[in-house]
Amino acid sequence: MLSQRLPGAKVSLQLLPRAAYSARDPAQSRTLGVTLERQQGVHAIDSDRRVDFDTLPGVLAYTPVGVEVFSESSSGGEYLLMRLDESFADEHLPAVGHRVQSCGNRQALSLAREVRRLLLAPHPDLLALEQCALGFVGLAQPKVEMAHRPAPAALAQVLDLIAGQLNLPLTLQQLAAAYGQNELRFLRDFTRAIGLTPHAYLVEVRLQASRRMIEHTRLSLAEIALDAGFAHQSHMGSAFRKFLAMTPSQYRSRF
């Protein structure tokens, strides 16, 4: 887990890795959270009733004080969590009595990926992190009235296909067929639900897979690139430089 406290903005940022977990948040502070990866498991929000969840990337969640959240997953998923001091939250966020989520939030996902890049840097730019944190607060203000829309089963099938065949060349036609609609309808629905195009999502899935292999195996970078679905090592390197601001070799040294 990577974390950074921002005294000026009175915000604590935590980048939670993809890993199995079982956690209960006592809801002692207001939080904002963004999913960077798909997550599946069981949760209970402000009750003892546990239900299955399948949460896509790009979900922005605002949880007020007093709303206890239990969540459990056998695989987890990368997640950005922000805890806000009460005085700061009172000044910038409306008071609500329940947890509010908005899905397919492209701006939130883009900001979360930028925060991830900054937190992974050897010397994080605190001013840039503070600006990102304030950006999340701004996004939460007009979104609190939006209810979370669960992913349709057909879209979940597409995500399962991508996860199972990420090392193979996939076409828009294949993905649309799994969705059960034509390519144009699929492209529109997918982008609206997640906040990324199918291609951008596939690159992110491959990036996450290669990160995990770099962290947990001794495979060569060339082998990891192919196993993760990149055409070659330099293709993987381009993705690392673009989204993490470091090369795969630098990432391996970092972890």
Protein backbone atom coordinates (compact mmCIF):
# COMPACT_ATOMS: atom_id res chain seq x y z
CA MET A 1 0.00 0.00 0.00
CA LEU A 2 1.21 3.49 -0.86
CA SER A 3 0.02 6.41 1.24
CA GLN A 4 0.59 10.15 1.49
CA ARG A 5 -0.74 12.73 3.94
CA LEU A 6 -1.38 16.18 2.51
CA PRO A 7 -1.36 18.66 5.42
CA GLY A 8 -2.45 21.62 3.32
CA ALA A 9 -5.54 19.93 1.97
CA LYS A 10 -6.18 17.90 5.16
CA VAL A 11 -6.49 14.76 3.07
CA SER A 12 -4.86 11.36 3.39
CA LEU A 13 -4.37 9.41 0.15
CA GLN A 14 -3.98 5.63 0.07
CA LEU A 15 -3.40 3.48 -3.02
CA LEU A 16 -4.62 0.01 -2.06
CA PRO A 17 -3.16 -2.84 -4.16
CA ARG A 18 -4.95 -5.73 -5.79
CA ALA A 19 -4.99 -8.37 -3.03
CA ALA A 20 -7.43 -10.54 -1.12
CA TYR A 21 -8.97 -8.64 1.80
CA SER A 22 -11.69 -8.60 4.41
CA ALA A 23 -12.15 -5.18 5.97
CA ARG A 24 -14.62 -3.13 7.96
CA ASP A 25 -14.36 0.65 7.85
CA PRO A 26 -15.62 2.15 11.13
CA ALA A 27 -16.68 5.31 9.24
CA GLN A 28 -14.88 7.73 11.55
CA SER A 29 -14.10 10.12 8.71
CA ARG A 30 -15.64 11.05 5.39
CA THR A 31 -14.06 9.22 2.48
CA LEU A 32 -13.90 9.39 -1.28
CA GLY A 33 -12.86 6.31 -3.20
CA VAL A 34 -12.26 5.41 -6.84
CA THR A 35 -11.92 1.94 -8.33
CA LEU A 36 -9.00 1.56 -10.73
CA GLU A 37 -9.75 -2.11 -11.35
CA ARG A 38 -12.82 -4.30 -11.44
CA GLN A 39 -13.62 -5.72 -8.01
CA GLN A 40 -15.87 -8.63 -7.10
CA GLY A 41 -16.84 -9.88 -3.68
CA VAL A 42 -19.33 -9.39 -0.86
CA HIS A 43 -20.13 -6.20 1.01
CA ALA A 44 -22.54 -4.75 3.55
CA ILE A 45 -23.15 -1.01 3.57
CA ASP A 46 -24.58 0.43 6.79
CA SER A 47 -26.30 -2.87 7.59
CA ASP A 48 -25.61 -6.50 8.45
CA ARG A 49 -27.00 -7.71 5.12
CA ARG A 50 -24.18 -8.97 2.93
CA VAL A 51 -24.70 -8.92 -0.82
CA ASP A 52 -22.53 -9.79 -3.81
CA PHE A 53 -20.95 -6.91 -5.68
CA ASP A 54 -19.26 -6.54 -9.05
CA THR A 55 -17.81 -3.03 -9.26
CA LEU A 56 -16.28 -1.67 -12.45
CA PRO A 57 -13.36 0.76 -12.78
CA GLY A 58 -14.36 4.41 -12.66
CA VAL A 59 -16.78 4.24 -9.72
CA LEU A 60 -16.53 7.28 -7.45
CA ALA A 61 -17.90 6.61 -3.95
CA TYR A 62 -18.60 9.21 -1.26
CA THR A 63 -19.12 7.80 2.24
CA PRO A 64 -20.14 10.10 5.13
CA VAL A 65 -19.27 9.63 8.79
CA GLY A 66 -21.44 7.03 10.49
CA VAL A 67 -21.98 4.82 7.45
CA GLU A 68 -20.06 1.63 8.20
CA VAL A 69 -18.84 -0.36 5.20
CA PHE A 70 -17.84 -4.02 5.31
CA SER A 71 -16.17 -5.40 2.17
CA GLU A 72 -14.56 -8.74 1.35
CA SER A 73 -12.96 -10.04 -1.84
CA SER A 74 -10.83 -13.05 -2.73
CA SER A 75 -8.87 -11.02 -5.30
CA GLY A 76 -9.47 -7.34 -4.55
CA GLY A 77 -8.58 -4.65 -7.05
CA GLU A 78 -6.47 -1.50 -7.07
CA TYR A 79 -8.38 1.23 -5.24
CA LEU A 80 -7.66 4.85 -4.39
CA LEU A 81 -9.00 5.91 -0.99
CA MET A 82 -9.07 9.46 0.35
CA ARG A 83 -9.85 10.25 3.98
CA LEU A 84 -10.90 13.84 4.66
CA ASP A 85 -10.63 15.79 7.91
CA GLU A 86 -14.07 16.82 9.11
CA SER A 87 -13.46 20.56 9.01
CA PHE A 88 -12.26 20.30 5.43
CA ALA A 89 -15.15 18.00 4.44
CA ASP A 90 -17.71 20.29 6.08
CA GLU A 91 -16.42 23.20 4.02
CA HIS A 92 -16.40 21.44 0.65
CA LEU A 93 -18.87 18.54 0.67
CA PRO A 94 -22.62 18.40 1.35
CA ALA A 95 -23.92 16.49 4.35
CA VAL A 96 -25.61 13.23 3.35
CA GLY A 97 -26.72 10.30 5.46
CA HIS A 98 -25.91 7.50 3.05
CA ARG A 99 -23.18 6.29 0.75
CA VAL A 100 -23.42 7.65 -2.80
CA GLN A 101 -21.74 6.22 -5.89
CA SER A 102 -21.49 7.29 -9.52
CA CYS A 103 -20.21 4.90 -12.15
CA GLY A 104 -18.45 5.43 -15.45
CA ASN A 105 -16.87 8.59 -14.03
CA ARG A 106 -14.21 9.31 -16.62
CA GLN A 107 -12.81 12.36 -14.81
CA ALA A 108 -12.51 10.49 -11.50
CA LEU A 109 -10.75 7.57 -13.16
CA SER A 110 -8.37 9.90 -14.99
CA LEU A 111 -7.53 11.71 -11.74
CA ALA A 112 -7.05 8.40 -9.92
CA ARG A 113 -4.57 7.21 -12.54
CA GLU A 114 -2.68 10.48 -12.20
CA VAL A 115 -2.56 10.09 -8.41
CA ARG A 116 -1.28 6.55 -8.88
CA ARG A 117 1.50 7.86 -11.13
CA LEU A 118 2.43 10.51 -8.57
CA LEU A 119 2.40 8.12 -5.60
CA LEU A 120 4.63 5.65 -7.42
CA ALA A 121 7.27 8.33 -8.01
CA PRO A 122 10.34 8.15 -5.73
CA HIS A 123 9.69 11.74 -4.65
CA PRO A 124 5.95 12.55 -4.93
CA ASP A 125 5.01 16.05 -6.02
CA LEU A 126 2.87 17.14 -3.06
CA LEU A 127 1.43 20.19 -4.82
CA ALA A 128 0.28 18.04 -7.75
CA LEU A 129 -1.22 15.49 -5.34
CA GLU A 130 -3.04 18.23 -3.46
CA GLN A 131 -4.51 19.57 -6.70
CA CYS A 132 -5.73 16.07 -7.62
CA ALA A 133 -7.30 15.61 -4.19
CA LEU A 134 -9.17 18.89 -4.55
CA GLY A 135 -10.23 17.78 -8.02
CA PHE A 136 -11.92 14.72 -6.50
CA VAL A 137 -13.77 16.89 -4.01
CA GLY A 138 -15.00 19.04 -6.87
CA LEU A 139 -16.25 15.97 -8.74
CA ALA A 140 -18.08 14.67 -5.68
CA GLN A 141 -20.06 17.86 -5.16
CA PRO A 142 -22.40 17.61 -8.17
CA LYS A 143 -22.47 13.82 -8.15
CA VAL A 144 -23.83 13.06 -4.71
CA GLU A 145 -27.37 12.69 -6.00
CA MET A 146 -26.44 10.03 -8.55
CA ALA A 147 -27.18 6.41 -7.68
CA HIS A 148 -24.81 3.63 -8.68
CA ARG A 149 -26.03 1.58 -11.63
CA PRO A 150 -24.86 -2.04 -11.46
CA ALA A 151 -23.10 -3.47 -14.49
CA PRO A 152 -25.39 -5.43 -16.81
CA ALA A 153 -24.65 -9.14 -16.98
CA ALA A 154 -23.69 -8.81 -20.65
CA LEU A 155 -20.99 -6.27 -19.81
CA ALA A 156 -19.66 -8.53 -17.06
CA GLN A 157 -19.27 -11.26 -19.70
CA VAL A 158 -17.13 -8.89 -21.78
CA LEU A 159 -14.91 -8.11 -18.80
CA ASP A 160 -14.55 -11.83 -18.09
CA LEU A 161 -13.54 -12.40 -21.72
CA ILE A 162 -10.90 -9.67 -21.53
CA ALA A 163 -9.53 -10.99 -18.23
CA GLY A 164 -9.36 -14.54 -19.58
CA GLN A 165 -7.80 -13.66 -22.93
CA LEU A 166 -5.76 -10.55 -22.19
CA ASN A 167 -2.68 -12.11 -23.80
CA LEU A 168 -4.51 -12.69 -27.08
CA PRO A 169 -5.37 -10.18 -29.82
CA LEU A 170 -8.98 -9.10 -29.29
CA THR A 171 -11.18 -7.27 -31.76
CA LEU A 172 -14.10 -4.92 -31.26
CA GLN A 173 -16.21 -7.42 -33.19
CA GLN A 174 -15.38 -10.20 -30.68
CA LEU A 175 -16.16 -7.99 -27.70
CA ALA A 176 -19.40 -6.72 -29.22
CA ALA A 177 -20.47 -10.30 -29.96
CA ALA A 178 -19.92 -11.23 -26.31
CA TYR A 179 -22.02 -8.19 -25.37
CA GLY A 180 -24.77 -9.19 -27.78
CA GLN A 181 -24.96 -5.88 -29.65
CA ASN A 182 -23.35 -4.27 -32.68
CA GLU A 183 -19.96 -2.61 -32.39
CA LEU A 184 -21.27 0.96 -32.21
CA ARG A 185 -23.79 0.20 -29.45
CA PHE A 186 -21.19 -1.80 -27.52
CA LEU A 187 -18.59 0.97 -27.78
CA ARG A 188 -21.06 3.55 -26.48
CA ASP A 189 -22.36 1.40 -23.60
CA PHE A 190 -18.91 0.21 -22.52
CA THR A 191 -17.39 3.70 -22.46
CA ARG A 192 -20.38 5.10 -20.57
CA ALA A 193 -20.27 2.34 -17.93
CA ILE A 194 -16.53 2.39 -17.24
CA GLY A 195 -15.22 5.75 -18.40
CA LEU A 196 -12.67 4.11 -20.71
CA THR A 197 -12.93 2.84 -24.27
CA PRO A 198 -12.55 -0.94 -24.69
CA HIS A 199 -9.00 -0.47 -26.01
CA ALA A 200 -7.98 1.81 -23.13
CA TYR A 201 -9.47 -0.67 -20.65
CA LEU A 202 -7.58 -3.57 -22.26
CA VAL A 203 -4.30 -1.62 -22.02
CA GLU A 204 -5.03 -0.93 -18.33
CA VAL A 205 -5.76 -4.63 -17.66
CA ARG A 206 -2.49 -5.60 -19.36
CA LEU A 207 -0.62 -2.91 -17.43
CA GLN A 208 -2.00 -4.21 -14.14
CA ALA A 209 -1.13 -7.81 -15.04
CA SER A 210 2.44 -6.86 -15.96
CA ARG A 211 2.84 -4.87 -12.73
CA ARG A 212 1.82 -7.90 -10.68
CA MET A 213 4.21 -10.18 -12.56
CA ILE A 214 7.08 -7.72 -12.10
CA GLU A 215 6.33 -7.48 -8.38
CA HIS A 216 5.83 -11.20 -7.70
CA THR A 217 7.86 -13.19 -10.26
CA ARG A 218 11.40 -13.38 -11.55
CA LEU A 219 10.35 -13.63 -15.20
CA SER A 220 12.24 -11.48 -17.67
CA LEU A 221 10.58 -8.29 -18.84
CA ALA A 222 10.29 -9.73 -22.35
CA GLU A 223 8.43 -12.77 -21.01
CA ILE A 224 6.17 -10.59 -18.87
CA ALA A 225 5.30 -8.38 -21.84
CA LEU A 226 4.16 -11.36 -23.90
CA ASP A 227 2.32 -13.03 -21.00
CA ALA A 228 0.46 -9.79 -20.29
CA GLY A 229 -0.62 -9.42 -23.92
CA PHE A 230 1.70 -6.68 -25.11
CA ALA A 231 3.04 -7.12 -28.63
CA HIS A 232 6.63 -6.79 -27.39
CA GLN A 233 8.68 -5.41 -24.51
CA SER A 234 8.91 -1.90 -25.96
CA HIS A 235 5.10 -1.81 -26.24
CA MET A 236 4.87 -2.60 -22.52
CA GLY A 237 7.53 0.03 -21.86
CA SER A 238 5.46 2.66 -23.66
CA ALA A 239 2.46 1.88 -21.45
CA PHE A 240 4.58 2.12 -18.29
CA ARG A 241 6.07 5.44 -19.32
CA LYS A 242 2.70 6.87 -20.29
CA PHE A 243 0.69 5.80 -17.24
CA LEU A 244 3.30 5.34 -14.50
CA ALA A 245 6.05 7.75 -15.67
CA MET A 246 8.73 5.06 -15.34
CA THR A 247 10.12 2.16 -17.33
CA PRO A 248 9.42 -1.47 -16.40
CA SER A 249 13.04 -1.78 -15.21
CA GLN A 250 12.60 1.23 -12.95
CA TYR A 251 9.34 -0.23 -11.65
CA ARG A 252 11.09 -3.50 -10.83
CA SER A 253 13.79 -1.58 -8.94
CA ARG A 254 11.10 0.40 -7.09
CA PHE A 255 9.45 -2.80 -5.82
